[in-house]
């Protein structure tokens, strides 16, 4: 990762922490986890619906990943 990319990543990581690392942010993350079913491994026989559900889930997993850094 170049210095510019690293700086951008660090700024973004800080923004995620400022947004979600507080009582209101945690409340929003809990609701998003329920809405996206992020903690459930689901499969749908309809490939389009399955892709939609996995994409929705991956967004919350990305947020969680940045908050763990």
Protein backbone atom coordinates (compact mmCIF):
# COMPACT_ATOMS: atom_id res chain seq x y z
CA UNK A 1 0.00 0.00 0.00
CA UNK A 2 1.47 3.36 -1.00
CA UNK A 3 1.75 6.19 1.50
CA UNK A 4 -1.16 8.01 -0.13
CA UNK A 5 -3.32 4.89 0.00
CA UNK A 6 -2.29 4.27 3.60
CA UNK A 7 -3.12 7.85 4.57
CA UNK A 8 -6.51 7.60 2.88
CA UNK A 9 -7.18 4.27 4.59
CA UNK A 10 -6.22 5.68 8.00
CA UNK A 11 -8.51 8.68 7.53
CA UNK A 12 -11.35 6.42 6.49
CA UNK A 13 -10.74 4.09 9.42
CA UNK A 14 -10.82 7.07 11.79
CA UNK A 15 -14.08 8.27 10.23
CA UNK A 16 -15.65 4.84 10.77
CA UNK A 17 -14.52 4.85 14.41
CA UNK A 18 -15.87 8.34 15.01
CA UNK A 19 -19.17 7.37 13.41
CA UNK A 20 -19.75 3.95 14.93
CA UNK A 21 -17.61 3.68 18.08
CA UNK A 22 -20.16 5.30 20.40
CA UNK A 23 -23.56 4.42 21.84
CA UNK A 24 -25.57 5.70 18.86
CA UNK A 25 -23.23 4.10 16.35
CA UNK A 26 -23.39 0.75 18.10
CA UNK A 27 -27.18 0.97 18.12
CA UNK A 28 -27.15 1.60 14.36
CA UNK A 29 -24.75 -1.32 13.81
CA UNK A 30 -27.03 -3.64 15.79
CA UNK A 31 -29.99 -2.64 13.63
CA UNK A 32 -27.94 -3.04 10.45
CA UNK A 33 -26.83 -6.50 11.59
CA UNK A 34 -30.47 -7.52 11.96
CA UNK A 35 -31.51 -5.92 8.67
CA UNK A 36 -28.64 -7.40 6.66
CA UNK A 37 -28.70 -10.71 8.53
CA UNK A 38 -24.93 -10.35 8.75
CA UNK A 39 -24.57 -13.05 11.37
CA UNK A 40 -26.53 -15.63 9.41
CA UNK A 41 -25.13 -17.64 6.55
CA UNK A 42 -28.07 -17.76 4.18
CA UNK A 43 -28.45 -19.28 0.77
CA UNK A 44 -31.20 -18.59 -1.70
CA UNK A 45 -31.81 -20.76 -4.75
CA UNK A 46 -32.58 -17.62 -6.78
CA UNK A 47 -29.09 -16.50 -7.86
CA UNK A 48 -30.05 -12.83 -8.16
CA UNK A 49 -31.66 -12.70 -4.74
CA UNK A 50 -28.70 -14.59 -3.25
CA UNK A 51 -26.24 -12.10 -4.77
CA UNK A 52 -28.33 -9.20 -3.44
CA UNK A 53 -28.43 -10.67 0.06
CA UNK A 54 -24.69 -11.40 0.07
CA UNK A 55 -23.91 -7.88 -1.13
CA UNK A 56 -26.04 -6.37 1.60
CA UNK A 57 -24.30 -8.56 4.19
CA UNK A 58 -20.81 -7.75 2.90
CA UNK A 59 -21.34 -4.02 3.46
CA UNK A 60 -21.79 -4.51 7.20
CA UNK A 61 -18.91 -6.97 7.36
CA UNK A 62 -16.71 -4.30 5.76
CA UNK A 63 -17.72 -1.78 8.45
CA UNK A 64 -16.97 -4.32 11.18
CA UNK A 65 -13.56 -5.07 9.65
CA UNK A 66 -12.57 -1.39 9.65
CA UNK A 67 -13.73 -1.00 13.25
CA UNK A 68 -11.48 -3.90 14.33
CA UNK A 69 -8.38 -2.23 12.91
